[in-house]
PDB file of all heavy atoms in Angstrom:
ATOM      1  N   MET A   1      -6.893   5.096   1.218  1.00  0.00           N
ATOM      2  CA  MET A   1      -6.617   3.721   1.672  1.00  0.00           C
ATOM      3  C   MET A   1      -6.148   2.760   0.583  1.00  0.00           C
ATOM      4  O   MET A   1      -6.968   2.813  -0.487  1.00  0.00           O
ATOM      5  CB  MET A   1      -7.634   3.106   2.512  1.00  0.00           C
ATOM      6  CG  MET A   1      -7.515   1.740   3.152  1.00  0.00           C
ATOM      7  SD  MET A   1      -8.670   1.300   4.348  1.00  0.00           S
ATOM      8  CE  MET A   1     -10.258   1.549   3.529  1.00  0.00           C
ATOM      9  N   MET A   2      -5.277   1.878   0.629  1.00  0.00           N
ATOM     10  CA  MET A   2      -4.963   0.870  -0.136  1.00  0.00           C
ATOM     11  C   MET A   2      -5.014  -0.494   0.598  1.00  0.00           C
ATOM     12  O   MET A   2      -4.227  -0.552   1.598  1.00  0.00           O
ATOM     13  CB  MET A   2      -3.691   1.064  -0.980  1.00  0.00           C
ATOM     14  CG  MET A   2      -3.390  -0.191  -1.995  1.00  0.00           C
ATOM     15  SD  MET A   2      -1.772   0.148  -2.883  1.00  0.00           S
ATOM     16  CE  MET A   2      -2.436   1.174  -4.200  1.00  0.00           C
ATOM     17  N   ILE A   3      -5.985  -1.399   0.333  1.00  0.00           N
ATOM     18  CA  ILE A   3      -6.038  -2.475   1.151  1.00  0.00           C
ATOM     19  C   ILE A   3      -5.362  -3.777   0.467  1.00  0.00           C
ATOM     20  O   ILE A   3      -5.126  -3.735  -0.861  1.00  0.00           O
ATOM     21  CB  ILE A   3      -7.568  -2.964   1.552  1.00  0.00           C
ATOM     22  CG1 ILE A   3      -8.371  -3.385   0.212  1.00  0.00           C
ATOM     23  CG2 ILE A   3      -8.320  -1.778   2.037  1.00  0.00           C
ATOM     24  CD1 ILE A   3      -9.612  -3.936   0.432  1.00  0.00           C
ATOM     25  N   GLN A   4      -5.066  -4.760   1.217  1.00  0.00           N
ATOM     26  CA  GLN A   4      -4.610  -5.844   0.694  1.00  0.00           C
ATOM     27  C   GLN A   4      -5.563  -7.118   1.009  1.00  0.00           C
ATOM     28  O   GLN A   4      -5.804  -7.326   2.272  1.00  0.00           O
ATOM     29  CB  GLN A   4      -3.116  -6.200   1.299  1.00  0.00           C
ATOM     30  CG  GLN A   4      -2.134  -5.300   0.671  1.00  0.00           C
ATOM     31  CD  GLN A   4      -0.716  -5.516   1.366  1.00  0.00           C
ATOM     32  OE1 GLN A   4      -0.559  -4.933   2.442  1.00  0.00           O
ATOM     33  NE2 GLN A   4       0.129  -6.246   0.688  1.00  0.00           N
ATOM     34  N   LEU A   5      -6.181  -7.649   0.028  1.00  0.00           N
ATOM     35  CA  LEU A   5      -7.124  -8.645   0.181  1.00  0.00           C
ATOM     36  C   LEU A   5      -6.962  -9.690  -0.960  1.00  0.00           C
ATOM     37  O   LEU A   5      -6.768  -9.313  -2.235  1.00  0.00           O
ATOM     38  CB  LEU A   5      -8.552  -8.023   0.198  1.00  0.00           C
ATOM     39  CG  LEU A   5      -9.761  -8.986   0.273  1.00  0.00           C
ATOM     40  CD1 LEU A   5      -9.743  -9.415   1.629  1.00  0.00           C
ATOM     41  CD2 LEU A   5     -10.972  -8.062  -0.003  1.00  0.00           C
ATOM     42  N   ASP A   6      -7.107 -10.951  -0.790  1.00  0.00           N
ATOM     43  CA  ASP A   6      -6.928 -11.996  -1.744  1.00  0.00           C
ATOM     44  C   ASP A   6      -5.658 -11.868  -2.425  1.00  0.00           C
ATOM     45  O   ASP A   6      -5.525 -12.058  -3.572  1.00  0.00           O
ATOM     46  CB  ASP A   6      -8.162 -11.945  -2.637  1.00  0.00           C
ATOM     47  CG  ASP A   6      -9.491 -12.330  -2.076  1.00  0.00           C
ATOM     48  OD1 ASP A   6      -9.403 -13.299  -1.225  1.00  0.00           O
ATOM     49  OD2 ASP A   6     -10.444 -11.688  -2.305  1.00  0.00           O
ATOM     50  N   ARG A   7      -4.679 -11.417  -1.670  1.00  0.00           N
ATOM     51  CA  ARG A   7      -3.297 -11.385  -2.196  1.00  0.00           C
ATOM     52  C   ARG A   7      -3.199 -10.411  -3.369  1.00  0.00           C
ATOM     53  O   ARG A   7      -2.527 -10.578  -4.346  1.00  0.00           O
ATOM     54  CB  ARG A   7      -2.797 -12.788  -2.552  1.00  0.00           C
ATOM     55  CG  ARG A   7      -2.787 -13.716  -1.388  1.00  0.00           C
ATOM     56  CD  ARG A   7      -2.406 -15.151  -1.821  1.00  0.00           C
ATOM     57  NE  ARG A   7      -0.897 -15.248  -2.141  1.00  0.00           N
ATOM     58  CZ  ARG A   7      -0.285 -16.395  -2.314  1.00  0.00           C
ATOM     59  NH1 ARG A   7      -1.060 -17.405  -2.584  1.00  0.00           N
ATOM     60  NH2 ARG A   7       1.019 -16.333  -2.627  1.00  0.00           N
ATOM     61  N   ARG A   8      -3.828  -9.234  -3.162  1.00  0.00           N
ATOM     62  CA  ARG A   8      -3.720  -8.169  -4.177  1.00  0.00           C
ATOM     63  C   ARG A   8      -3.983  -6.760  -3.634  1.00  0.00           C
ATOM     64  O   ARG A   8      -4.574  -6.750  -2.500  1.00  0.00           O
ATOM     65  CB  ARG A   8      -4.751  -8.402  -5.334  1.00  0.00           C
ATOM     66  CG  ARG A   8      -6.184  -8.558  -4.857  1.00  0.00           C
ATOM     67  CD  ARG A   8      -7.097  -8.803  -6.021  1.00  0.00           C
ATOM     68  NE  ARG A   8      -8.496  -8.986  -5.549  1.00  0.00           N
ATOM     69  CZ  ARG A   8      -9.477  -8.594  -6.226  1.00  0.00           C
ATOM     70  NH1 ARG A   8      -9.450  -8.016  -7.208  1.00  0.00           N
ATOM     71  NH2 ARG A   8     -10.765  -8.895  -5.671  1.00  0.00           N
ATOM     72  N   PHE A   9      -3.500  -5.772  -4.144  1.00  0.00           N
ATOM     73  CA  PHE A   9      -3.719  -4.395  -3.689  1.00  0.00           C
ATOM     74  C   PHE A   9      -4.967  -3.990  -4.260  1.00  0.00           C
ATOM     75  O   PHE A   9      -5.248  -4.029  -5.516  1.00  0.00           O
ATOM     76  CB  PHE A   9      -2.563  -3.483  -4.120  1.00  0.00           C
ATOM     77  CG  PHE A   9      -1.204  -3.702  -3.380  1.00  0.00           C
ATOM     78  CD1 PHE A   9      -0.162  -4.378  -3.941  1.00  0.00           C
ATOM     79  CD2 PHE A   9      -1.168  -3.230  -2.063  1.00  0.00           C
ATOM     80  CE1 PHE A   9       1.065  -4.565  -3.320  1.00  0.00           C
ATOM     81  CE2 PHE A   9       0.002  -3.436  -1.401  1.00  0.00           C
ATOM     82  CZ  PHE A   9       1.033  -4.131  -2.061  1.00  0.00           C
ATOM     83  N   ILE A  10      -5.787  -3.332  -3.432  1.00  0.00           N
ATOM     84  CA  ILE A  10      -7.164  -2.774  -3.918  1.00  0.00           C
ATOM     85  C   ILE A  10      -7.287  -1.438  -3.345  1.00  0.00           C
ATOM     86  O   ILE A  10      -7.286  -1.217  -2.124  1.00  0.00           O
ATOM     87  CB  ILE A  10      -8.289  -3.629  -3.475  1.00  0.00           C
ATOM     88  CG1 ILE A  10      -8.084  -5.024  -3.985  1.00  0.00           C
ATOM     89  CG2 ILE A  10      -9.651  -3.102  -4.007  1.00  0.00           C
ATOM     90  CD1 ILE A  10      -9.230  -5.999  -3.365  1.00  0.00           C
ATOM     91  N   PRO A  11      -7.349  -0.292  -4.336  1.00  0.00           N
ATOM     92  CA  PRO A  11      -7.270  -0.412  -5.739  1.00  0.00           C
ATOM     93  C   PRO A  11      -5.807  -0.636  -6.274  1.00  0.00           C
ATOM     94  O   PRO A  11      -4.915  -0.283  -5.519  1.00  0.00           O
ATOM     95  CB  PRO A  11      -7.785   0.994  -6.252  1.00  0.00           C
ATOM     96  CG  PRO A  11      -7.398   1.876  -5.137  1.00  0.00           C
ATOM     97  CD  PRO A  11      -7.591   1.106  -3.799  1.00  0.00           C
ATOM     98  N   ARG A  12      -5.718  -1.180  -7.390  1.00  0.00           N
ATOM     99  CA  ARG A  12      -4.422  -1.462  -7.852  1.00  0.00           C
ATOM    100  C   ARG A  12      -3.609  -0.186  -8.257  1.00  0.00           C
ATOM    101  O   ARG A  12      -2.406  -0.044  -7.936  1.00  0.00           O
ATOM    102  CB  ARG A  12      -4.442  -2.362  -9.132  1.00  0.00           C
ATOM    103  CG  ARG A  12      -3.062  -2.541  -9.782  1.00  0.00           C
ATOM    104  CD  ARG A  12      -3.253  -3.527 -10.945  1.00  0.00           C
ATOM    105  NE  ARG A  12      -1.884  -3.914 -11.536  1.00  0.00           N
ATOM    106  CZ  ARG A  12      -1.406  -3.362 -12.687  1.00  0.00           C
ATOM    107  NH1 ARG A  12      -2.147  -2.386 -13.281  1.00  0.00           N
ATOM    108  NH2 ARG A  12      -0.303  -3.566 -13.074  1.00  0.00           N
ATOM    109  N   VAL A  13      -4.445   0.806  -8.762  1.00  0.00           N
ATOM    110  CA  VAL A  13      -3.843   2.129  -8.926  1.00  0.00           C
ATOM    111  C   VAL A  13      -4.660   3.213  -7.948  1.00  0.00           C
ATOM    112  O   VAL A  13      -5.862   3.228  -8.066  1.00  0.00           O
ATOM    113  CB  VAL A  13      -4.104   2.594 -10.440  1.00  0.00           C
ATOM    114  CG1 VAL A  13      -3.508   4.014 -10.545  1.00  0.00           C
ATOM    115  CG2 VAL A  13      -3.287   1.545 -11.385  1.00  0.00           C
ATOM    116  N   LEU A  14      -3.890   3.916  -7.275  1.00  0.00           N
ATOM    117  CA  LEU A  14      -4.377   4.825  -6.212  1.00  0.00           C
ATOM    118  C   LEU A  14      -3.729   6.273  -6.457  1.00  0.00           C
ATOM    119  O   LEU A  14      -2.710   6.515  -6.207  1.00  0.00           O
ATOM    120  CB  LEU A  14      -4.041   4.423  -4.922  1.00  0.00           C
ATOM    121  CG  LEU A  14      -4.573   5.317  -3.770  1.00  0.00           C
ATOM    122  CD1 LEU A  14      -6.093   5.385  -3.753  1.00  0.00           C
ATOM    123  CD2 LEU A  14      -4.001   4.880  -2.315  1.00  0.00           C
ATOM    124  N   PRO A  15      -4.686   7.148  -7.139  1.00  0.00           N
ATOM    125  CA  PRO A  15      -4.103   8.575  -7.227  1.00  0.00           C
ATOM    126  C   PRO A  15      -4.430   9.385  -5.925  1.00  0.00           C
ATOM    127  O   PRO A  15      -5.388   9.125  -5.211  1.00  0.00           O
ATOM    128  CB  PRO A  15      -4.889   9.051  -8.358  1.00  0.00           C
ATOM    129  CG  PRO A  15      -6.306   8.317  -8.288  1.00  0.00           C
ATOM    130  CD  PRO A  15      -5.955   6.956  -7.647  1.00  0.00           C
ATOM    131  N   ILE A  16      -3.428  10.137  -5.555  1.00  0.00           N
ATOM    132  CA  ILE A  16      -3.526  10.987  -4.423  1.00  0.00           C
ATOM    133  C   ILE A  16      -2.786  12.396  -4.716  1.00  0.00           C
ATOM    134  O   ILE A  16      -2.119  12.418  -5.596  1.00  0.00           O
ATOM    135  CB  ILE A  16      -2.800  10.346  -3.103  1.00  0.00           C
ATOM    136  CG1 ILE A  16      -1.290  10.203  -3.332  1.00  0.00           C
ATOM    137  CG2 ILE A  16      -3.512   9.120  -2.713  1.00  0.00           C
ATOM    138  CD1 ILE A  16      -0.514   9.858  -2.217  1.00  0.00           C
ATOM    139  N   ALA A  17      -3.114  13.387  -3.818  1.00  0.00           N
ATOM    140  CA  ALA A  17      -2.452  14.705  -3.992  1.00  0.00           C
ATOM    141  C   ALA A  17      -1.158  14.606  -3.130  1.00  0.00           C
ATOM    142  O   ALA A  17      -1.076  13.916  -2.149  1.00  0.00           O
ATOM    143  CB  ALA A  17      -3.292  15.769  -3.567  1.00  0.00           C
ATOM    144  N   ALA A  18      -0.149  15.318  -3.563  1.00  0.00           N
ATOM    145  CA  ALA A  18       1.103  15.513  -2.862  1.00  0.00           C
ATOM    146  C   ALA A  18       0.838  15.949  -1.359  1.00  0.00           C
ATOM    147  O   ALA A  18      -0.052  16.826  -1.299  1.00  0.00           O
ATOM    148  CB  ALA A  18       2.074  16.380  -3.534  1.00  0.00           C
ATOM    149  N   GLY A  19       1.449  15.338  -0.388  1.00  0.00           N
ATOM    150  CA  GLY A  19       1.265  15.690   0.977  1.00  0.00           C
ATOM    151  C   GLY A  19       0.191  14.884   1.566  1.00  0.00           C
ATOM    152  O   GLY A  19      -0.140  15.067   2.861  1.00  0.00           O
ATOM    153  N   THR A  20      -0.333  13.824   0.926  1.00  0.00           N
ATOM    154  CA  THR A  20      -1.363  12.955   1.496  1.00  0.00           C
ATOM    155  C   THR A  20      -0.639  11.647   1.994  1.00  0.00           C
ATOM    156  O   THR A  20       0.306  11.167   1.489  1.00  0.00           O
ATOM    157  CB  THR A  20      -2.297  12.569   0.348  1.00  0.00           C
ATOM    158  OG1 THR A  20      -2.820  13.761  -0.262  1.00  0.00           O
ATOM    159  CG2 THR A  20      -3.397  11.706   0.916  1.00  0.00           C
ATOM    160  N   GLY A  21      -1.352  11.141   3.188  1.00  0.00           N
ATOM    161  CA  GLY A  21      -0.938   9.891   3.665  1.00  0.00           C
ATOM    162  C   GLY A  21      -1.743   8.766   3.078  1.00  0.00           C
ATOM    163  O   GLY A  21      -2.939   8.995   2.946  1.00  0.00           O
ATOM    164  N   VAL A  22      -1.242   7.617   2.890  1.00  0.00           N
ATOM    165  CA  VAL A  22      -2.034   6.455   2.516  1.00  0.00           C
ATOM    166  C   VAL A  22      -1.898   5.428   3.634  1.00  0.00           C
ATOM    167  O   VAL A  22      -0.865   5.109   4.144  1.00  0.00           O
ATOM    168  CB  VAL A  22      -1.347   5.858   1.142  1.00  0.00           C
ATOM    169  CG1 VAL A  22      -2.038   4.564   0.833  1.00  0.00           C
ATOM    170  CG2 VAL A  22      -1.572   6.818  -0.030  1.00  0.00           C
ATOM    171  N   ARG A  23      -3.049   4.842   3.857  1.00  0.00           N
ATOM    172  CA  ARG A  23      -3.208   3.816   4.764  1.00  0.00           C
ATOM    173  C   ARG A  23      -3.308   2.407   4.125  1.00  0.00           C
ATOM    174  O   ARG A  23      -4.042   2.111   3.445  1.00  0.00           O
ATOM    175  CB  ARG A  23      -4.349   3.963   5.885  1.00  0.00           C
ATOM    176  CG  ARG A  23      -4.519   2.870   6.907  1.00  0.00           C
ATOM    177  CD  ARG A  23      -5.359   3.325   7.975  1.00  0.00           C
ATOM    178  NE  ARG A  23      -6.673   3.872   7.567  1.00  0.00           N
ATOM    179  CZ  ARG A  23      -7.754   3.072   7.528  1.00  0.00           C
ATOM    180  NH1 ARG A  23      -7.689   1.753   7.989  1.00  0.00           N
ATOM    181  NH2 ARG A  23      -8.843   3.510   7.117  1.00  0.00           N
ATOM    182  N   PHE A  24      -2.109   1.606   4.434  1.00  0.00           N
ATOM    183  CA  PHE A  24      -2.133   0.234   3.870  1.00  0.00           C
ATOM    184  C   PHE A  24      -2.674  -0.731   4.890  1.00  0.00           C
ATOM    185  O   PHE A  24      -2.103  -0.846   5.873  1.00  0.00           O
ATOM    186  CB  PHE A  24      -0.627  -0.133   3.494  1.00  0.00           C
ATOM    187  CG  PHE A  24      -0.122   0.731   2.405  1.00  0.00           C
ATOM    188  CD1 PHE A  24       0.572   1.863   2.673  1.00  0.00           C
ATOM    189  CD2 PHE A  24      -0.282   0.331   1.028  1.00  0.00           C
ATOM    190  CE1 PHE A  24       1.158   2.602   1.593  1.00  0.00           C
ATOM    191  CE2 PHE A  24       0.341   1.075  -0.001  1.00  0.00           C
ATOM    192  CZ  PHE A  24       1.033   2.233   0.380  1.00  0.00           C
ATOM    193  N   GLU A  25      -3.771  -1.309   4.585  1.00  0.00           N
ATOM    194  CA  GLU A  25      -4.520  -2.101   5.612  1.00  0.00           C
ATOM    195  C   GLU A  25      -4.605  -3.612   5.063  1.00  0.00           C
ATOM    196  O   GLU A  25      -5.023  -3.906   3.978  1.00  0.00           O
ATOM    197  CB  GLU A  25      -5.813  -1.605   5.863  1.00  0.00           C
ATOM    198  CG  GLU A  25      -6.702  -2.391   6.778  1.00  0.00           C
ATOM    199  CD  GLU A  25      -7.941  -1.776   7.345  1.00  0.00           C
ATOM    200  OE1 GLU A  25      -8.090  -0.533   7.077  1.00  0.00           O
ATOM    201  OE2 GLU A  25      -8.750  -2.388   8.066  1.00  0.00           O
ATOM    202  N   ASN A  26      -4.265  -4.487   5.909  1.00  0.00           N
ATOM    203  CA  ASN A  26      -4.208  -5.991   5.635  1.00  0.00           C
ATOM    204  C   ASN A  26      -5.571  -6.414   6.016  1.00  0.00           C
ATOM    205  O   ASN A  26      -5.873  -6.672   7.246  1.00  0.00           O
ATOM    206  CB  ASN A  26      -3.103  -6.581   6.400  1.00  0.00           C
ATOM    207  CG  ASN A  26      -2.937  -8.070   6.076  1.00  0.00           C
ATOM    208  OD1 ASN A  26      -3.775  -8.556   5.237  1.00  0.00           O
ATOM    209  ND2 ASN A  26      -2.184  -8.835   6.864  1.00  0.00           N
ATOM    210  N   MET A  27      -6.331  -6.681   5.018  1.00  0.00           N
ATOM    211  CA  MET A  27      -7.669  -7.434   5.219  1.00  0.00           C
ATOM    212  C   MET A  27      -7.663  -8.877   4.929  1.00  0.00           C
ATOM    213  O   MET A  27      -8.845  -9.450   4.807  1.00  0.00           O
ATOM    214  CB  MET A  27      -8.753  -6.598   4.473  1.00  0.00           C
ATOM    215  CG  MET A  27      -8.781  -5.127   4.821  1.00  0.00           C
ATOM    216  SD  MET A  27     -10.183  -4.234   4.196  1.00  0.00           S
ATOM    217  CE  MET A  27     -11.546  -4.872   5.202  1.00  0.00           C
ATOM    218  N   ASP A  28      -6.425  -9.497   4.700  1.00  0.00           N
ATOM    219  CA  ASP A  28      -6.461 -10.935   4.429  1.00  0.00           C
ATOM    220  C   ASP A  28      -6.218 -11.675   5.827  1.00  0.00           C
ATOM    221  O   ASP A  28      -6.192 -11.039   6.982  1.00  0.00           O
ATOM    222  CB  ASP A  28      -5.283 -11.164   3.627  1.00  0.00           C
ATOM    223  CG  ASP A  28      -5.651 -11.559   2.090  1.00  0.00           C
ATOM    224  OD1 ASP A  28      -6.732 -12.133   2.036  1.00  0.00           O
ATOM    225  OD2 ASP A  28      -4.879 -11.343   1.196  1.00  0.00           O
ATOM    226  N   ARG A  29      -6.131 -12.968   5.758  1.00  0.00           N
ATOM    227  CA  ARG A  29      -5.882 -13.696   6.985  1.00  0.00           C
ATOM    228  C   ARG A  29      -4.491 -14.166   7.132  1.00  0.00           C
ATOM    229  O   ARG A  29      -4.142 -15.004   8.116  1.00  0.00           O
ATOM    230  CB  ARG A  29      -6.853 -14.974   6.880  1.00  0.00           C
ATOM    231  CG  ARG A  29      -8.316 -14.687   6.610  1.00  0.00           C
ATOM    232  CD  ARG A  29      -9.151 -15.897   6.525  1.00  0.00           C
ATOM    233  NE  ARG A  29     -10.617 -15.643   6.426  1.00  0.00           N
ATOM    234  CZ  ARG A  29     -11.513 -16.455   6.039  1.00  0.00           C
ATOM    235  NH1 ARG A  29     -11.122 -17.777   5.749  1.00  0.00           N
ATOM    236  NH2 ARG A  29     -12.813 -16.192   6.034  1.00  0.00           N
ATOM    237  N   THR A  30      -3.638 -13.641   6.304  1.00  0.00           N
ATOM    238  CA  THR A  30      -2.248 -13.898   6.599  1.00  0.00           C
ATOM    239  C   THR A  30      -1.386 -12.534   6.572  1.00  0.00           C
ATOM    240  O   THR A  30      -2.000 -11.506   6.282  1.00  0.00           O
ATOM    241  CB  THR A  30      -1.713 -14.730   5.279  1.00  0.00           C
ATOM    242  OG1 THR A  30      -1.846 -13.899   4.076  1.00  0.00           O
ATOM    243  CG2 THR A  30      -2.450 -16.004   5.155  1.00  0.00           C
ATOM    244  N   TYR A  31      -0.193 -12.616   6.972  1.00  0.00           N
ATOM    245  CA  TYR A  31       0.633 -11.450   6.895  1.00  0.00           C
ATOM    246  C   TYR A  31       0.833 -10.894   5.548  1.00  0.00           C
ATOM    247  O   TYR A  31       0.850 -11.641   4.592  1.00  0.00           O
ATOM    248  CB  TYR A  31       2.055 -11.846   7.590  1.00  0.00           C
ATOM    249  CG  TYR A  31       2.020 -11.774   9.062  1.00  0.00           C
ATOM    250  CD1 TYR A  31       1.445 -12.815   9.872  1.00  0.00           C
ATOM    251  CD2 TYR A  31       2.621 -10.722   9.785  1.00  0.00           C
ATOM    252  CE1 TYR A  31       1.459 -12.815  11.176  1.00  0.00           C
ATOM    253  CE2 TYR A  31       2.733 -10.630  11.207  1.00  0.00           C
ATOM    254  CZ  TYR A  31       2.093 -11.630  11.842  1.00  0.00           C
ATOM    255  OH  TYR A  31       2.040 -11.631  13.256  1.00  0.00           O
ATOM    256  N   HIS A  32       1.005  -9.558   5.566  1.00  0.00           N
ATOM    257  CA  HIS A  32       1.345  -8.766   4.212  1.00  0.00           C
ATOM    258  C   HIS A  32       2.407  -7.880   4.564  1.00  0.00           C
ATOM    259  O   HIS A  32       2.762  -7.563   5.633  1.00  0.00           O
ATOM    260  CB  HIS A  32       0.078  -8.186   3.691  1.00  0.00           C
ATOM    261  CG  HIS A  32      -0.675  -9.134   2.777  1.00  0.00           C
ATOM    262  ND1 HIS A  32      -0.411  -9.607   1.601  1.00  0.00           N
ATOM    263  CD2 HIS A  32      -2.020  -9.690   2.961  1.00  0.00           C
ATOM    264  CE1 HIS A  32      -1.192 -10.385   1.126  1.00  0.00           C
ATOM    265  NE2 HIS A  32      -2.257 -10.401   1.883  1.00  0.00           N
ATOM    266  N   ASN A  33       2.919  -7.257   3.414  1.00  0.00           N
ATOM    267  CA  ASN A  33       3.824  -6.226   3.466  1.00  0.00           C
ATOM    268  C   ASN A  33       3.605  -5.313   2.285  1.00  0.00           C
ATOM    269  O   ASN A  33       2.957  -5.768   1.309  1.00  0.00           O
ATOM    270  CB  ASN A  33       5.306  -6.895   3.298  1.00  0.00           C
ATOM    271  CG  ASN A  33       6.360  -5.886   3.013  1.00  0.00           C
ATOM    272  OD1 ASN A  33       6.782  -5.659   1.882  1.00  0.00           O
ATOM    273  ND2 ASN A  33       6.812  -5.110   4.114  1.00  0.00           N
ATOM    274  N   ALA A  34       3.999  -4.054   2.456  1.00  0.00           N
ATOM    275  CA  ALA A  34       4.055  -3.119   1.305  1.00  0.00           C
ATOM    276  C   ALA A  34       5.285  -2.377   1.383  1.00  0.00           C
ATOM    277  O   ALA A  34       5.740  -1.805   2.416  1.00  0.00           O
ATOM    278  CB  ALA A  34       2.804  -2.107   1.539  1.00  0.00           C
ATOM    279  N   PHE A  35       6.008  -2.265   0.234  1.00  0.00           N
ATOM    280  CA  PHE A  35       7.288  -1.485   0.153  1.00  0.00           C
ATOM    281  C   PHE A  35       7.408  -0.988  -1.273  1.00  0.00           C
ATOM    282  O   PHE A  35       6.735  -1.332  -2.123  1.00  0.00           O
ATOM    283  CB  PHE A  35       8.370  -2.477   0.476  1.00  0.00           C
ATOM    284  CG  PHE A  35       8.889  -3.380  -0.569  1.00  0.00           C
ATOM    285  CD1 PHE A  35       9.803  -3.010  -1.415  1.00  0.00           C
ATOM    286  CD2 PHE A  35       8.220  -4.567  -0.745  1.00  0.00           C
ATOM    287  CE1 PHE A  35      10.215  -3.886  -2.490  1.00  0.00           C
ATOM    288  CE2 PHE A  35       8.719  -5.399  -1.739  1.00  0.00           C
ATOM    289  CZ  PHE A  35       9.603  -5.149  -2.528  1.00  0.00           C
ATOM    290  N   SER A  36       8.274  -0.025  -1.361  1.00  0.00           N
ATOM    291  CA  SER A  36       8.738   0.540  -2.614  1.00  0.00           C
ATOM    292  C   SER A  36      10.095   0.984  -2.748  1.00  0.00           C
ATOM    293  O   SER A  36      10.668   1.449  -1.760  1.00  0.00           O
ATOM    294  CB  SER A  36       7.787   1.755  -3.013  1.00  0.00           C
ATOM    295  OG  SER A  36       8.144   2.330  -4.318  1.00  0.00           O
ATOM    296  N   LEU A  37      10.810   0.781  -3.820  1.00  0.00           N
ATOM    297  CA  LEU A  37      12.026   1.300  -4.066  1.00  0.00           C
ATOM    298  C   LEU A  37      12.107   2.432  -5.084  1.00  0.00           C
ATOM    299  O   LEU A  37      13.093   2.819  -5.488  1.00  0.00           O
ATOM    300  CB  LEU A  37      12.956   0.122  -4.627  1.00  0.00           C
ATOM    301  CG  LEU A  37      13.161  -0.984  -3.763  1.00  0.00           C
ATOM    302  CD1 LEU A  37      14.041  -2.085  -4.437  1.00  0.00           C
ATOM    303  CD2 LEU A  37      13.805  -0.594  -2.370  1.00  0.00           C
ATOM    304  N   SER A  38      10.932   3.052  -5.428  1.00  0.00           N
ATOM    305  CA  SER A  38      10.751   4.181  -6.218  1.00  0.00           C
ATOM    306  C   SER A  38      11.459   5.308  -5.787  1.00  0.00           C
ATOM    307  O   SER A  38      11.359   5.642  -4.619  1.00  0.00           O
ATOM    308  CB  SER A  38       9.284   4.475  -6.484  1.00  0.00           C
ATOM    309  OG  SER A  38       8.640   3.311  -6.982  1.00  0.00           O
ATOM    310  N   THR A  39      12.050   6.037  -6.659  1.00  0.00           N
ATOM    311  CA  THR A  39      12.776   7.304  -6.405  1.00  0.00           C
ATOM    312  C   THR A  39      11.798   8.346  -5.680  1.00  0.00           C
ATOM    313  O   THR A  39      12.169   9.158  -4.876  1.00  0.00           O
ATOM    314  CB  THR A  39      13.610   7.900  -7.466  1.00  0.00           C
ATOM    315  OG1 THR A  39      12.611   8.103  -8.590  1.00  0.00           O
ATOM    316  CG2 THR A  39      14.674   6.953  -7.906  1.00  0.00           C
ATOM    317  N   THR A  40      10.499   8.321  -6.219  1.00  0.00           N
ATOM    318  CA  THR A  40       9.520   9.266  -5.714  1.00  0.00           C
ATOM    319  C   THR A  40       9.391   9.003  -4.057  1.00  0.00           C
ATOM    320  O   THR A  40       9.232  10.062  -3.457  1.00  0.00           O
ATOM    321  CB  THR A  40       8.259   9.168  -6.501  1.00  0.00           C
ATOM    322  OG1 THR A  40       8.479   9.462  -7.896  1.00  0.00           O
ATOM    323  CG2 THR A  40       7.249  10.118  -5.976  1.00  0.00           C
ATOM    324  N   ARG A  41       9.287   7.854  -3.651  1.00  0.00           N
ATOM    325  CA  ARG A  41       9.041   7.529  -2.332  1.00  0.00           C
ATOM    326  C   ARG A  41       9.415   6.167  -2.015  1.00  0.00           C
ATOM    327  O   ARG A  41       8.824   5.080  -2.310  1.00  0.00           O
ATOM    328  CB  ARG A  41       7.540   7.707  -1.926  1.00  0.00           C
ATOM    329  CG  ARG A  41       7.307   7.460  -0.436  1.00  0.00           C
ATOM    330  CD  ARG A  41       7.947   8.482   0.460  1.00  0.00           C
ATOM    331  NE  ARG A  41       7.392   8.560   1.748  1.00  0.00           N
ATOM    332  CZ  ARG A  41       7.936   7.956   2.847  1.00  0.00           C
ATOM    333  NH1 ARG A  41       9.033   7.104   2.557  1.00  0.00           N
ATOM    334  NH2 ARG A  41       7.494   8.010   3.977  1.00  0.00           N
ATOM    335  N   LYS A  42      10.547   5.996  -1.310  1.00  0.00           N
ATOM    336  CA  LYS A  42      11.074   4.633  -0.818  1.00  0.00           C
ATOM    337  C   LYS A  42      10.476   4.417   0.580  1.00  0.00           C
ATOM    338  O   LYS A  42      10.412   5.339   1.313  1.00  0.00           O
ATOM    339  CB  LYS A  42      12.482   4.672  -0.821  1.00  0.00           C
ATOM    340  CG  LYS A  42      13.300   4.678  -2.158  1.00  0.00           C
ATOM    341  CD  LYS A  42      14.724   4.616  -1.995  1.00  0.00           C
ATOM    342  CE  LYS A  42      15.396   4.716  -3.250  1.00  0.00           C
ATOM    343  NZ  LYS A  42      16.842   4.720  -3.235  1.00  0.00           N
ATOM    344  N   PHE A  43      10.015   3.284   0.865  1.00  0.00           N
ATOM    345  CA  PHE A  43       9.365   2.970   2.148  1.00  0.00           C
ATOM    346  C   PHE A  43       9.202   1.406   2.204  1.00  0.00           C
ATOM    347  O   PHE A  43       9.282   0.710   1.357  1.00  0.00           O
ATOM    348  CB  PHE A  43       7.936   3.747   2.437  1.00  0.00           C
ATOM    349  CG  PHE A  43       6.864   3.052   1.481  1.00  0.00           C
ATOM    350  CD1 PHE A  43       6.051   2.051   1.940  1.00  0.00           C
ATOM    351  CD2 PHE A  43       6.595   3.508   0.196  1.00  0.00           C
ATOM    352  CE1 PHE A  43       5.031   1.486   1.170  1.00  0.00           C
ATOM    353  CE2 PHE A  43       5.578   3.037  -0.639  1.00  0.00           C
ATOM    354  CZ  PHE A  43       4.814   1.887  -0.179  1.00  0.00           C
ATOM    355  N   ASP A  44       8.950   1.001   3.373  1.00  0.00           N
ATOM    356  CA  ASP A  44       8.758  -0.359   3.816  1.00  0.00           C
ATOM    357  C   ASP A  44       7.950  -0.407   5.041  1.00  0.00           C
ATOM    358  O   ASP A  44       8.600  -0.023   6.102  1.00  0.00           O
ATOM    359  CB  ASP A  44      10.100  -1.223   3.922  1.00  0.00           C
ATOM    360  CG  ASP A  44       9.853  -2.692   3.959  1.00  0.00           C
ATOM    361  OD1 ASP A  44       8.862  -3.156   4.490  1.00  0.00           O
ATOM    362  OD2 ASP A  44      10.765  -3.435   3.589  1.00  0.00           O
ATOM    363  N   VAL A  45       6.794  -0.934   5.086  1.00  0.00           N
ATOM    364  CA  VAL A  45       5.990  -0.916   6.317  1.00  0.00           C
ATOM    365  C   VAL A  45       6.241  -2.119   7.176  1.00  0.00           C
ATOM    366  O   VAL A  45       5.669  -2.191   8.324  1.00  0.00           O
ATOM    367  CB  VAL A  45       4.433  -0.785   5.856  1.00  0.00           C
ATOM    368  CG1 VAL A  45       4.077   0.423   5.111  1.00  0.00           C
ATOM    369  CG2 VAL A  45       4.050  -2.088   5.198  1.00  0.00           C
ATOM    370  N   GLY A  46       6.989  -3.049   6.673  1.00  0.00           N
ATOM    371  CA  GLY A  46       7.285  -4.156   7.482  1.00  0.00           C
ATOM    372  C   GLY A  46       6.164  -5.274   7.342  1.00  0.00           C
ATOM    373  O   GLY A  46       5.328  -5.037   6.467  1.00  0.00           O
TER     374      GLY A  46
END
C-alpha cells in the first residue's frame, strides 16, 4: 500500500515484486490523485 497523507506519498519509495498490485489509499481530508507517465507503467487512478 502507498497512502496519501498530509499531501505526500507514504512511503515515498515503495519496492514491490513484478506482478504485484499496489493500493493507493487517500487518508487525507481532501481529494487526491495518483498517476504516472513512466514507460514501465502508465496509469491514472482519477
